[in-house]
């Protein structure tokens, strides 16, 4: 890290008669409560996977917005590498060489004063293939869309912004928004027309720009709310931000898309990733971020890590070994 602003800051009865009358009422209330509980259980059974745990004074809720199978993972997370080398690494880690599961894991942070949602999943665009389930997962866990106070966008790729809008308007109607200043400036600029970034530009104009008047624009070192601070982690996109949570003497780093595959991108952080816009900068950022995470033994939550997307890393050879969380947050 170059300084505390970021990885790349270069830049909630008296009588028998009465008893006879009261008994049906009590039975009816109990029956209603039982029905409510049954309905809640049914809702949870139908809801997408979720995981809730405390972090100091905060409560975190991770929702699996969806997942899908990708073919030939090495072509995305080992661009330019020999296919046999990629296959051997995957098989060494008990993974098939020709397929992988890619999940999407937005997280809600309930500080006790405000509910802060980081990224919004695939939204309506993903529902044809089983994604876009964030709102469903929030509701199953007791949060209505109207309860969200702040929506933070780590970067403006579609799987992070598509859930900003529903067919009838804003998905989180009472929220204010936090966008990275550099990220917004890049994607909203009409100079993206006619370039490979044109599709992203069009999506941002449709889904993000309408919220600009309700947004705060931030950079590395800026606080979202007390205990949540932005850090610059550029490369995946020009203004990609990550966020350090610090509360009650505990920390957790939301790493967004700094690393998107828990074997290929962590054990081989220098391998190029097809979705990284500046591949060399993204690789340097991975090393900076995960060197810090490993050295300080900080848990992290990565948007595409195996659900529930939370774990630790330790240094291993030229990269890092991912260790998913177990009971650390219960103690």
C-alpha atoms as a PDB file:
ATOM      1  CA  UNK A   1       0.000   0.000   0.000  1.00  0.00           C
ATOM      2  CA  UNK A   2       1.274   3.440  -0.802  1.00  0.00           C
ATOM      3  CA  UNK A   3      -0.692   5.293   1.882  1.00  0.00           C
ATOM      4  CA  UNK A   4      -3.833   5.040   3.998  1.00  0.00           C
ATOM      5  CA  UNK A   5      -6.055   6.364   1.225  1.00  0.00           C
ATOM      6  CA  UNK A   6      -5.909   3.318  -0.931  1.00  0.00           C
ATOM      7  CA  UNK A   7      -3.990   0.692  -2.749  1.00  0.00           C
ATOM      8  CA  UNK A   8      -3.338   3.014  -5.685  1.00  0.00           C
ATOM      9  CA  UNK A   9      -3.650   6.505  -4.205  1.00  0.00           C
ATOM     10  CA  UNK A  10      -1.141   7.748  -6.542  1.00  0.00           C
ATOM     11  CA  UNK A  11      -3.633   9.449  -7.729  1.00  0.00           C
ATOM     12  CA  UNK A  12     -33.422  -4.702  15.379  1.00  0.00           C
ATOM     13  CA  UNK A  13     -58.940 -14.987  34.901  1.00  0.00           C
ATOM     14  CA  UNK A  14     -61.209 -14.833  37.756  1.00  0.00           C
ATOM     15  CA  UNK A  15     -64.135 -17.229  36.813  1.00  0.00           C
ATOM     16  CA  UNK A  16     -64.743 -20.312  34.727  1.00  0.00           C
ATOM     17  CA  UNK A  17     -67.010 -18.390  32.367  1.00  0.00           C
ATOM     18  CA  UNK A  18     -64.280 -15.891  31.517  1.00  0.00           C
ATOM     19  CA  UNK A  19     -61.819 -18.707  30.974  1.00  0.00           C
ATOM     20  CA  UNK A  20     -64.235 -20.387  28.595  1.00  0.00           C
ATOM     21  CA  UNK A  21     -64.566 -17.175  26.592  1.00  0.00           C
ATOM     22  CA  UNK A  22     -60.847 -16.457  26.588  1.00  0.00           C
ATOM     23  CA  UNK A  23     -59.715 -19.896  25.508  1.00  0.00           C
ATOM     24  CA  UNK A  24     -60.820 -19.691  21.845  1.00  0.00           C
ATOM     25  CA  UNK A  25     -59.156 -16.274  21.555  1.00  0.00           C
ATOM     26  CA  UNK A  26     -55.859 -17.544  22.901  1.00  0.00           C
ATOM     27  CA  UNK A  27     -56.027 -20.591  20.651  1.00  0.00           C
ATOM     28  CA  UNK A  28     -56.738 -18.372  17.641  1.00  0.00           C
ATOM     29  CA  UNK A  29     -53.769 -16.110  18.418  1.00  0.00           C
ATOM     30  CA  UNK A  30     -51.508 -19.086  18.885  1.00  0.00           C
ATOM     31  CA  UNK A  31     -52.742 -20.540  15.630  1.00  0.00           C
ATOM     32  CA  UNK A  32     -52.054 -17.257  13.845  1.00  0.00           C
ATOM     33  CA  UNK A  33     -48.532 -17.119  15.274  1.00  0.00           C
ATOM     34  CA  UNK A  34     -47.925 -20.687  14.198  1.00  0.00           C
ATOM     35  CA  UNK A  35     -49.137 -19.859  10.700  1.00  0.00           C
ATOM     36  CA  UNK A  36     -46.877 -16.796  10.577  1.00  0.00           C
ATOM     37  CA  UNK A  37     -43.926 -18.926  11.650  1.00  0.00           C
ATOM     38  CA  UNK A  38     -44.778 -21.544   9.048  1.00  0.00           C
ATOM     39  CA  UNK A  39     -45.038 -18.884   6.357  1.00  0.00           C
ATOM     40  CA  UNK A  40     -41.693 -17.419   7.426  1.00  0.00           C
ATOM     41  CA  UNK A  41     -40.093 -20.848   7.287  1.00  0.00           C
ATOM     42  CA  UNK A  42     -41.564 -21.414   3.841  1.00  0.00           C
ATOM     43  CA  UNK A  43     -40.258 -18.041   2.696  1.00  0.00           C
ATOM     44  CA  UNK A  44     -36.771 -18.861   3.962  1.00  0.00           C
ATOM     45  CA  UNK A  45     -36.928 -22.279   2.317  1.00  0.00           C
ATOM     46  CA  UNK A  46     -37.708 -20.642  -1.028  1.00  0.00           C
ATOM     47  CA  UNK A  47     -35.249 -17.774  -0.571  1.00  0.00           C
ATOM     48  CA  UNK A  48     -31.762 -17.652  -2.072  1.00  0.00           C
ATOM     49  CA  UNK A  49     -28.858 -18.758   0.127  1.00  0.00           C
ATOM     50  CA  UNK A  50     -27.844 -16.176   2.701  1.00  0.00           C
ATOM     51  CA  UNK A  51     -25.431 -15.913   5.602  1.00  0.00           C
ATOM     52  CA  UNK A  52     -25.618 -13.510   8.532  1.00  0.00           C
ATOM     53  CA  UNK A  53     -22.929 -12.891  11.128  1.00  0.00           C
ATOM     54  CA  UNK A  54     -21.796 -10.165  13.529  1.00  0.00           C
ATOM     55  CA  UNK A  55     -18.685  -8.070  13.098  1.00  0.00           C
ATOM     56  CA  UNK A  56     -18.112  -6.035  16.227  1.00  0.00           C
ATOM     57  CA  UNK A  57     -21.068  -3.672  16.460  1.00  0.00           C
ATOM     58  CA  UNK A  58     -22.154  -4.355  12.885  1.00  0.00           C
ATOM     59  CA  UNK A  59     -24.296  -7.149  11.472  1.00  0.00           C
ATOM     60  CA  UNK A  60     -23.488  -8.440   7.993  1.00  0.00           C
ATOM     61  CA  UNK A  61     -25.871 -10.243   5.674  1.00  0.00           C
ATOM     62  CA  UNK A  62     -24.502 -11.858   2.515  1.00  0.00           C
ATOM     63  CA  UNK A  63     -27.045 -12.885  -0.125  1.00  0.00           C
ATOM     64  CA  UNK A  64     -26.302 -15.100  -3.097  1.00  0.00           C
ATOM     65  CA  UNK A  65     -27.885 -13.095  -5.882  1.00  0.00           C
ATOM     66  CA  UNK A  66     -27.313 -16.059  -8.188  1.00  0.00           C
ATOM     67  CA  UNK A  67     -24.670 -18.359  -9.598  1.00  0.00           C
ATOM     68  CA  UNK A  68     -23.935 -19.933 -12.940  1.00  0.00           C
ATOM     69  CA  UNK A  69     -21.565 -22.399 -14.523  1.00  0.00           C
ATOM     70  CA  UNK A  70     -18.758 -20.999 -16.646  1.00  0.00           C
ATOM     71  CA  UNK A  71     -16.875 -23.139 -19.102  1.00  0.00           C
ATOM     72  CA  UNK A  72     -13.123 -23.065 -19.585  1.00  0.00           C
ATOM     73  CA  UNK A  73     -12.226 -21.006 -16.484  1.00  0.00           C
ATOM     74  CA  UNK A  74      -8.620 -20.712 -17.594  1.00  0.00           C
ATOM     75  CA  UNK A  75      -9.637 -18.607 -20.586  1.00  0.00           C
ATOM     76  CA  UNK A  76     -11.016 -15.985 -18.201  1.00  0.00           C
ATOM     77  CA  UNK A  77      -8.777 -16.231 -15.134  1.00  0.00           C
ATOM     78  CA  UNK A  78      -5.566 -17.386 -16.795  1.00  0.00           C
ATOM     79  CA  UNK A  79      -5.614 -15.461 -20.057  1.00  0.00           C
ATOM     80  CA  UNK A  80      -2.577 -16.388 -22.110  1.00  0.00           C
ATOM     81  CA  UNK A  81      -1.521 -19.263 -19.857  1.00  0.00           C
ATOM     82  CA  UNK A  82      -0.910 -22.763 -21.167  1.00  0.00           C
ATOM     83  CA  UNK A  83      -4.209 -24.690 -20.798  1.00  0.00           C
ATOM     84  CA  UNK A  84      -2.403 -27.703 -19.353  1.00  0.00           C
ATOM     85  CA  UNK A  85      -0.828 -25.536 -16.647  1.00  0.00           C
ATOM     86  CA  UNK A  86      -4.233 -24.108 -15.709  1.00  0.00           C
ATOM     87  CA  UNK A  87      -5.863 -27.547 -15.727  1.00  0.00           C
ATOM     88  CA  UNK A  88      -3.149 -28.974 -13.475  1.00  0.00           C
ATOM     89  CA  UNK A  89      -3.596 -26.192 -10.922  1.00  0.00           C
ATOM     90  CA  UNK A  90      -7.362 -26.666 -10.834  1.00  0.00           C
ATOM     91  CA  UNK A  91      -7.099 -30.437 -10.500  1.00  0.00           C
ATOM     92  CA  UNK A  92      -4.505 -30.029  -7.732  1.00  0.00           C
ATOM     93  CA  UNK A  93      -7.185 -28.079  -5.862  1.00  0.00           C
ATOM     94  CA  UNK A  94      -9.894 -30.730  -6.457  1.00  0.00           C
ATOM     95  CA  UNK A  95     -11.618 -28.672  -9.144  1.00  0.00           C
ATOM     96  CA  UNK A  96     -12.586 -29.726 -12.674  1.00  0.00           C
ATOM     97  CA  UNK A  97     -10.421 -28.138 -15.341  1.00  0.00           C
ATOM     98  CA  UNK A  98     -13.218 -27.340 -17.767  1.00  0.00           C
ATOM     99  CA  UNK A  99     -15.999 -25.793 -15.629  1.00  0.00           C
ATOM    100  CA  UNK A 100     -16.431 -23.533 -12.602  1.00  0.00           C
ATOM    101  CA  UNK A 101     -19.270 -22.040 -10.582  1.00  0.00           C
ATOM    102  CA  UNK A 102     -19.311 -18.244 -10.513  1.00  0.00           C
ATOM    103  CA  UNK A 103     -21.469 -16.657  -7.811  1.00  0.00           C
ATOM    104  CA  UNK A 104     -22.546 -13.090  -7.057  1.00  0.00           C
ATOM    105  CA  UNK A 105     -22.615 -11.991  -3.414  1.00  0.00           C
ATOM    106  CA  UNK A 106     -23.877  -8.512  -2.492  1.00  0.00           C
ATOM    107  CA  UNK A 107     -23.605  -7.709   1.219  1.00  0.00           C
ATOM    108  CA  UNK A 108     -25.724  -5.619   3.553  1.00  0.00           C
ATOM    109  CA  UNK A 109     -24.016  -4.001   6.522  1.00  0.00           C
ATOM    110  CA  UNK A 110     -26.391  -3.027   9.342  1.00  0.00           C
ATOM    111  CA  UNK A 111     -24.477  -0.600  11.545  1.00  0.00           C
ATOM    112  CA  UNK A 112     -27.330  -0.206  14.035  1.00  0.00           C
ATOM    113  CA  UNK A 113     -27.935   3.300  12.723  1.00  0.00           C
ATOM    114  CA  UNK A 114     -28.015   2.735   8.975  1.00  0.00           C
ATOM    115  CA  UNK A 115     -28.353  -0.157   6.550  1.00  0.00           C
ATOM    116  CA  UNK A 116     -25.677  -0.002   3.885  1.00  0.00           C
ATOM    117  CA  UNK A 117     -25.923  -2.243   0.813  1.00  0.00           C
ATOM    118  CA  UNK A 118     -22.790  -2.941  -1.220  1.00  0.00           C
ATOM    119  CA  UNK A 119     -23.629  -3.690  -4.871  1.00  0.00           C
ATOM    120  CA  UNK A 120     -26.976  -4.816  -6.234  1.00  0.00           C
ATOM    121  CA  UNK A 121     -26.510  -8.011  -8.220  1.00  0.00           C
ATOM    122  CA  UNK A 122     -27.949  -8.881 -11.594  1.00  0.00           C
ATOM    123  CA  UNK A 123     -31.452  -7.494 -11.051  1.00  0.00           C
ATOM    124  CA  UNK A 124     -34.139  -8.096 -13.689  1.00  0.00           C
ATOM    125  CA  UNK A 125     -31.504  -8.855 -16.320  1.00  0.00           C
ATOM    126  CA  UNK A 126     -30.482 -12.034 -14.499  1.00  0.00           C
ATOM    127  CA  UNK A 127     -33.847 -13.534 -13.650  1.00  0.00           C
ATOM    128  CA  UNK A 128     -34.196 -15.518 -16.855  1.00  0.00           C
ATOM    129  CA  UNK A 129     -31.305 -17.737 -15.679  1.00  0.00           C
ATOM    130  CA  UNK A 130     -31.963 -17.739 -11.928  1.00  0.00           C
ATOM    131  CA  UNK A 131     -30.093 -14.670 -10.685  1.00  0.00           C
ATOM    132  CA  UNK A 132     -31.422 -11.275  -9.597  1.00  0.00           C
ATOM    133  CA  UNK A 133     -32.480 -12.639  -6.189  1.00  0.00           C
ATOM    134  CA  UNK A 134     -30.976  -9.990  -3.903  1.00  0.00           C
ATOM    135  CA  UNK A 135     -34.258  -8.267  -3.001  1.00  0.00           C
ATOM    136  CA  UNK A 136     -35.853 -11.660  -2.359  1.00  0.00           C
ATOM    137  CA  UNK A 137     -33.010 -12.574  -0.028  1.00  0.00           C
ATOM    138  CA  UNK A 138     -33.169  -9.280   1.840  1.00  0.00           C
ATOM    139  CA  UNK A 139     -36.919  -9.645   2.416  1.00  0.00           C
ATOM    140  CA  UNK A 140     -36.522 -13.226   3.669  1.00  0.00           C
ATOM    141  CA  UNK A 141     -34.081 -11.890   6.253  1.00  0.00           C
ATOM    142  CA  UNK A 142     -36.364  -9.098   7.459  1.00  0.00           C
ATOM    143  CA  UNK A 143     -35.179  -6.169   5.302  1.00  0.00           C
ATOM    144  CA  UNK A 144     -37.605  -4.523   2.926  1.00  0.00           C
ATOM    145  CA  UNK A 145     -36.201  -2.620  -0.074  1.00  0.00           C
ATOM    146  CA  UNK A 146     -37.488   0.565   1.568  1.00  0.00           C
ATOM    147  CA  UNK A 147     -35.267  -0.113   4.591  1.00  0.00           C
ATOM    148  CA  UNK A 148     -32.009   0.385   2.694  1.00  0.00           C
ATOM    149  CA  UNK A 149     -30.477   3.734   3.632  1.00  0.00           C
ATOM    150  CA  UNK A 150     -27.355   3.726   1.446  1.00  0.00           C
ATOM    151  CA  UNK A 151     -26.408   1.828  -1.696  1.00  0.00           C
ATOM    152  CA  UNK A 152     -22.677   1.713  -2.387  1.00  0.00           C
ATOM    153  CA  UNK A 153     -21.414   0.659  -5.809  1.00  0.00           C
ATOM    154  CA  UNK A 154     -17.876  -0.724  -5.738  1.00  0.00           C
ATOM    155  CA  UNK A 155     -17.570  -0.434  -9.522  1.00  0.00           C
ATOM    156  CA  UNK A 156     -19.906  -0.203 -12.470  1.00  0.00           C
ATOM    157  CA  UNK A 157     -19.885  -3.596 -14.173  1.00  0.00           C
ATOM    158  CA  UNK A 158     -23.343  -4.970 -14.919  1.00  0.00           C
ATOM    159  CA  UNK A 159     -23.383  -7.663 -12.222  1.00  0.00           C
ATOM    160  CA  UNK A 160     -22.952  -4.903  -9.628  1.00  0.00           C
ATOM    161  CA  UNK A 161     -25.348  -2.258 -10.970  1.00  0.00           C
ATOM    162  CA  UNK A 162     -28.142  -4.144 -12.772  1.00  0.00           C
ATOM    163  CA  UNK A 163     -30.127  -4.442  -9.534  1.00  0.00           C
ATOM    164  CA  UNK A 164     -30.341  -0.686  -9.051  1.00  0.00           C
ATOM    165  CA  UNK A 165     -33.578  -0.579 -11.038  1.00  0.00           C
ATOM    166  CA  UNK A 166     -36.721  -2.710 -11.130  1.00  0.00           C
ATOM    167  CA  UNK A 167     -39.321  -2.573 -13.891  1.00  0.00           C
ATOM    168  CA  UNK A 168     -41.382  -0.044 -11.904  1.00  0.00           C
ATOM    169  CA  UNK A 169     -38.537   2.209 -10.793  1.00  0.00           C
ATOM    170  CA  UNK A 170     -35.716   2.321  -8.242  1.00  0.00           C
ATOM    171  CA  UNK A 171     -35.161  -0.985  -6.467  1.00  0.00           C
ATOM    172  CA  UNK A 172     -34.337   0.789  -3.191  1.00  0.00           C
ATOM    173  CA  UNK A 173     -36.620   3.830  -3.220  1.00  0.00           C
ATOM    174  CA  UNK A 174     -35.486   5.487   0.017  1.00  0.00           C
ATOM    175  CA  UNK A 175     -31.760   5.056  -0.471  1.00  0.00           C
ATOM    176  CA  UNK A 176     -29.072   7.541  -1.154  1.00  0.00           C
ATOM    177  CA  UNK A 177     -26.117   6.426  -3.239  1.00  0.00           C
ATOM    178  CA  UNK A 178     -22.354   6.353  -3.000  1.00  0.00           C
ATOM    179  CA  UNK A 179     -20.297   6.108  -6.180  1.00  0.00           C
ATOM    180  CA  UNK A 180     -16.581   6.270  -6.799  1.00  0.00           C
ATOM    181  CA  UNK A 181     -15.761   9.608  -8.405  1.00  0.00           C
ATOM    182  CA  UNK A 182     -13.215   8.207 -10.879  1.00  0.00           C
ATOM    183  CA  UNK A 183     -15.418   5.221 -11.725  1.00  0.00           C
ATOM    184  CA  UNK A 184     -18.449   7.399 -12.421  1.00  0.00           C
ATOM    185  CA  UNK A 185     -16.431   9.888 -14.452  1.00  0.00           C
ATOM    186  CA  UNK A 186     -15.081   7.129 -16.697  1.00  0.00           C
ATOM    187  CA  UNK A 187     -18.290   5.214 -17.394  1.00  0.00           C
ATOM    188  CA  UNK A 188     -20.612   8.218 -17.715  1.00  0.00           C
ATOM    189  CA  UNK A 189     -18.391   9.989 -20.241  1.00  0.00           C
ATOM    190  CA  UNK A 190     -19.717   9.955 -23.805  1.00  0.00           C
ATOM    191  CA  UNK A 191     -16.109   9.435 -24.910  1.00  0.00           C
ATOM    192  CA  UNK A 192     -16.762   5.730 -24.247  1.00  0.00           C
ATOM    193  CA  UNK A 193     -18.998   5.618 -27.342  1.00  0.00           C
ATOM    194  CA  UNK A 194     -17.358   3.698 -30.141  1.00  0.00           C
ATOM    195  CA  UNK A 195     -14.935   1.936 -27.764  1.00  0.00           C
ATOM    196  CA  UNK A 196     -15.048  -1.519 -26.118  1.00  0.00           C
ATOM    197  CA  UNK A 197     -16.527   0.230 -23.071  1.00  0.00           C
ATOM    198  CA  UNK A 198     -19.594   1.463 -24.995  1.00  0.00           C
ATOM    199  CA  UNK A 199     -21.920  -1.228 -23.626  1.00  0.00           C
ATOM    200  CA  UNK A 200     -20.914  -0.433 -20.056  1.00  0.00           C
ATOM    201  CA  UNK A 201     -21.363   3.259 -20.746  1.00  0.00           C
ATOM    202  CA  UNK A 202     -24.896   2.701 -22.005  1.00  0.00           C
ATOM    203  CA  UNK A 203     -25.757   0.639 -18.915  1.00  0.00           C
ATOM    204  CA  UNK A 204     -24.383   3.310 -16.596  1.00  0.00           C
ATOM    205  CA  UNK A 205     -26.372   6.024 -18.375  1.00  0.00           C
ATOM    206  CA  UNK A 206     -29.533   3.939 -17.907  1.00  0.00           C
ATOM    207  CA  UNK A 207     -28.984   2.600 -14.391  1.00  0.00           C
ATOM    208  CA  UNK A 208     -26.566   4.886 -12.555  1.00  0.00           C
ATOM    209  CA  UNK A 209     -26.761   8.394 -13.996  1.00  0.00           C
ATOM    210  CA  UNK A 210     -30.438   8.809 -12.922  1.00  0.00           C
ATOM    211  CA  UNK A 211     -29.243   8.634  -9.293  1.00  0.00           C
ATOM    212  CA  UNK A 212     -26.456  11.200  -9.629  1.00  0.00           C
ATOM    213  CA  UNK A 213     -28.431  13.936  -7.855  1.00  0.00           C
ATOM    214  CA  UNK A 214     -28.927  11.603  -4.861  1.00  0.00           C
ATOM    215  CA  UNK A 215     -25.320  10.456  -4.812  1.00  0.00           C
ATOM    216  CA  UNK A 216     -22.145  11.222  -2.927  1.00  0.00           C
ATOM    217  CA  UNK A 217     -18.966  10.780  -4.954  1.00  0.00           C
ATOM    218  CA  UNK A 218     -15.958   9.467  -3.064  1.00  0.00           C
ATOM    219  CA  UNK A 219     -12.352   8.378  -3.432  1.00  0.00           C
ATOM    220  CA  UNK A 220      -9.804   6.508  -1.360  1.00  0.00           C
ATOM    221  CA  UNK A 221      -9.775   7.477   2.308  1.00  0.00           C
ATOM    222  CA  UNK A 222     -13.347   8.755   2.308  1.00  0.00           C
ATOM    223  CA  UNK A 223     -15.853   7.368   4.834  1.00  0.00           C
ATOM    224  CA  UNK A 224     -19.257   6.042   3.795  1.00  0.00           C
ATOM    225  CA  UNK A 225     -20.428   6.054   7.432  1.00  0.00           C
ATOM    226  CA  UNK A 226     -18.315   5.836  10.595  1.00  0.00           C
ATOM    227  CA  UNK A 227     -16.416   2.561  10.481  1.00  0.00           C
ATOM    228  CA  UNK A 228     -16.592   2.051   6.692  1.00  0.00           C
ATOM    229  CA  UNK A 229     -13.783   3.567   4.641  1.00  0.00           C
ATOM    230  CA  UNK A 230     -13.093   3.422   0.907  1.00  0.00           C
ATOM    231  CA  UNK A 231      -9.744   2.331  -0.516  1.00  0.00           C
ATOM    232  CA  UNK A 232      -8.654   2.590  -4.131  1.00  0.00           C
ATOM    233  CA  UNK A 233      -7.947  -0.751  -5.806  1.00  0.00           C
ATOM    234  CA  UNK A 234      -7.742   0.165  -9.482  1.00  0.00           C
ATOM    235  CA  UNK A 235      -7.149  -2.119 -12.443  1.00  0.00           C
ATOM    236  CA  UNK A 236     -10.245  -4.267 -12.674  1.00  0.00           C
ATOM    237  CA  UNK A 237     -11.922  -1.011 -13.656  1.00  0.00           C
ATOM    238  CA  UNK A 238     -10.501   2.532 -13.676  1.00  0.00           C
ATOM    239  CA  UNK A 239     -12.149   3.484 -10.377  1.00  0.00           C
ATOM    240  CA  UNK A 240     -12.653   0.143  -8.597  1.00  0.00           C
ATOM    241  CA  UNK A 241     -13.079   0.682  -4.823  1.00  0.00           C
ATOM    242  CA  UNK A 242     -12.813  -1.675  -1.884  1.00  0.00           C
ATOM    243  CA  UNK A 243     -14.001  -0.960   1.669  1.00  0.00           C
ATOM    244  CA  UNK A 244     -12.523  -1.540   5.103  1.00  0.00           C
ATOM    245  CA  UNK A 245     -15.020  -2.220   7.906  1.00  0.00           C
ATOM    246  CA  UNK A 246     -13.738  -1.442  11.407  1.00  0.00           C
ATOM    247  CA  UNK A 247     -16.024  -1.879  14.407  1.00  0.00           C
ATOM    248  CA  UNK A 248     -15.720  -3.033  17.998  1.00  0.00           C
ATOM    249  CA  UNK A 249     -12.053  -3.841  17.555  1.00  0.00           C
ATOM    250  CA  UNK A 250     -12.629  -6.056  14.500  1.00  0.00           C
ATOM    251  CA  UNK A 251     -11.956  -5.574  10.802  1.00  0.00           C
ATOM    252  CA  UNK A 252     -13.176  -7.021   7.521  1.00  0.00           C
ATOM    253  CA  UNK A 253     -12.237  -5.935   4.015  1.00  0.00           C
ATOM    254  CA  UNK A 254     -14.812  -5.931   1.210  1.00  0.00           C
ATOM    255  CA  UNK A 255     -12.576  -6.671  -1.769  1.00  0.00           C
ATOM    256  CA  UNK A 256     -15.258  -6.576  -4.487  1.00  0.00           C
ATOM    257  CA  UNK A 257     -13.644  -7.879  -7.726  1.00  0.00           C
ATOM    258  CA  UNK A 258      -9.992  -7.571  -6.749  1.00  0.00           C
ATOM    259  CA  UNK A 259      -9.801 -11.371  -7.097  1.00  0.00           C
ATOM    260  CA  UNK A 260     -12.643 -13.294  -8.690  1.00  0.00           C
ATOM    261  CA  UNK A 261     -11.537 -16.932  -8.602  1.00  0.00           C
ATOM    262  CA  UNK A 262     -10.333 -18.395  -5.331  1.00  0.00           C
ATOM    263  CA  UNK A 263      -7.706 -20.652  -6.900  1.00  0.00           C
ATOM    264  CA  UNK A 264      -6.621 -19.112 -10.188  1.00  0.00           C
ATOM    265  CA  UNK A 265      -6.628 -15.468  -9.077  1.00  0.00           C
ATOM    266  CA  UNK A 266      -5.313 -16.006  -5.546  1.00  0.00           C
ATOM    267  CA  UNK A 267      -2.749 -18.756  -6.012  1.00  0.00           C
ATOM    268  CA  UNK A 268      -1.601 -17.071  -9.228  1.00  0.00           C
ATOM    269  CA  UNK A 269      -2.267 -13.350  -8.641  1.00  0.00           C
ATOM    270  CA  UNK A 270      -0.114 -12.268 -11.584  1.00  0.00           C
ATOM    271  CA  UNK A 271      -2.163 -14.202 -14.139  1.00  0.00           C
ATOM    272  CA  UNK A 272      -4.209 -11.927 -16.336  1.00  0.00           C
ATOM    273  CA  UNK A 273      -7.989 -11.877 -16.054  1.00  0.00           C
ATOM    274  CA  UNK A 274     -10.055 -11.216 -19.139  1.00  0.00           C
ATOM    275  CA  UNK A 275     -12.447  -8.852 -17.336  1.00  0.00           C
ATOM    276  CA  UNK A 276      -9.653  -6.688 -15.859  1.00  0.00           C
ATOM    277  CA  UNK A 277      -9.448  -3.517 -17.889  1.00  0.00           C
ATOM    278  CA  UNK A 278      -5.830  -2.751 -16.955  1.00  0.00           C
ATOM    279  CA  UNK A 279      -4.418  -6.226 -16.454  1.00  0.00           C
ATOM    280  CA  UNK A 280      -0.995  -5.289 -15.109  1.00  0.00           C
ATOM    281  CA  UNK A 281      -2.432  -2.769 -12.648  1.00  0.00           C
ATOM    282  CA  UNK A 282      -5.072  -5.290 -11.559  1.00  0.00           C
ATOM    283  CA  UNK A 283      -2.372  -7.880 -10.859  1.00  0.00           C
ATOM    284  CA  UNK A 284      -0.348  -5.359  -8.844  1.00  0.00           C
ATOM    285  CA  UNK A 285      -3.478  -4.432  -6.928  1.00  0.00           C
ATOM    286  CA  UNK A 286      -4.172  -8.104  -6.117  1.00  0.00           C
ATOM    287  CA  UNK A 287      -0.718  -8.415  -4.624  1.00  0.00           C
ATOM    288  CA  UNK A 288      -1.005  -5.175  -2.634  1.00  0.00           C
ATOM    289  CA  UNK A 289      -4.428  -6.035  -1.263  1.00  0.00           C
ATOM    290  CA  UNK A 290      -3.815  -9.666  -0.402  1.00  0.00           C
ATOM    291  CA  UNK A 291      -0.335  -9.045   0.961  1.00  0.00           C
ATOM    292  CA  UNK A 292      -2.056  -6.751   3.447  1.00  0.00           C
ATOM    293  CA  UNK A 293      -4.911  -9.197   4.121  1.00  0.00           C
ATOM    294  CA  UNK A 294      -2.440 -12.029   4.739  1.00  0.00           C
ATOM    295  CA  UNK A 295       0.017 -10.011   6.826  1.00  0.00           C
ATOM    296  CA  UNK A 296      -2.662  -8.462   9.053  1.00  0.00           C
ATOM    297  CA  UNK A 297      -4.784 -11.657   9.140  1.00  0.00           C
ATOM    298  CA  UNK A 298      -7.861  -9.690   8.126  1.00  0.00           C
ATOM    299  CA  UNK A 299     -10.958 -11.548   6.954  1.00  0.00           C
ATOM    300  CA  UNK A 300     -12.229 -10.469   3.569  1.00  0.00           C
ATOM    301  CA  UNK A 301     -15.415 -10.773   1.546  1.00  0.00           C
ATOM    302  CA  UNK A 302     -14.984 -11.116  -2.206  1.00  0.00           C
ATOM    303  CA  UNK A 303     -17.980 -10.689  -4.486  1.00  0.00           C
ATOM    304  CA  UNK A 304     -17.225 -13.858  -6.473  1.00  0.00           C
ATOM    305  CA  UNK A 305     -15.630 -16.008  -3.783  1.00  0.00           C
ATOM    306  CA  UNK A 306     -17.314 -19.362  -2.947  1.00  0.00           C
ATOM    307  CA  UNK A 307     -20.503 -18.568  -1.037  1.00  0.00           C
ATOM    308  CA  UNK A 308     -20.811 -17.134   1.588  1.00  0.00           C
ATOM    309  CA  UNK A 309     -17.832 -15.390   0.038  1.00  0.00           C
ATOM    310  CA  UNK A 310     -15.971 -14.720   3.318  1.00  0.00           C
ATOM    311  CA  UNK A 311     -12.593 -16.070   4.292  1.00  0.00           C
ATOM    312  CA  UNK A 312      -8.922 -15.496   4.947  1.00  0.00           C
ATOM    313  CA  UNK A 313      -5.726 -15.923   2.956  1.00  0.00           C
ATOM    314  CA  UNK A 314      -2.268 -17.043   3.890  1.00  0.00           C
ATOM    315  CA  UNK A 315       0.851 -16.666   1.821  1.00  0.00           C
ATOM    316  CA  UNK A 316       1.570 -19.815  -0.169  1.00  0.00           C
ATOM    317  CA  UNK A 317       4.391 -19.963  -2.684  1.00  0.00           C
ATOM    318  CA  UNK A 318       4.005 -17.178  -5.233  1.00  0.00           C
ATOM    319  CA  UNK A 319       0.441 -16.408  -4.152  1.00  0.00           C
ATOM    320  CA  UNK A 320      -2.156 -17.019  -1.490  1.00  0.00           C
ATOM    321  CA  UNK A 321      -4.267 -19.902  -0.169  1.00  0.00           C
ATOM    322  CA  UNK A 322      -7.939 -19.203   0.503  1.00  0.00           C
ATOM    323  CA  UNK A 323      -9.444 -20.409   3.788  1.00  0.00           C
ATOM    324  CA  UNK A 324     -13.238 -20.021   4.036  1.00  0.00           C
ATOM    325  CA  UNK A 325     -14.702 -18.820   7.312  1.00  0.00           C
ATOM    326  CA  UNK A 326     -16.103 -21.311   9.814  1.00  0.00           C
ATOM    327  CA  UNK A 327     -16.965 -20.207  13.378  1.00  0.00           C
ATOM    328  CA  UNK A 328     -14.615 -17.227  13.793  1.00  0.00           C
ATOM    329  CA  UNK A 329     -17.430 -14.660  13.911  1.00  0.00           C
ATOM    330  CA  UNK A 330     -19.404 -16.592  16.543  1.00  0.00           C
ATOM    331  CA  UNK A 331     -16.705 -16.086  19.164  1.00  0.00           C
END
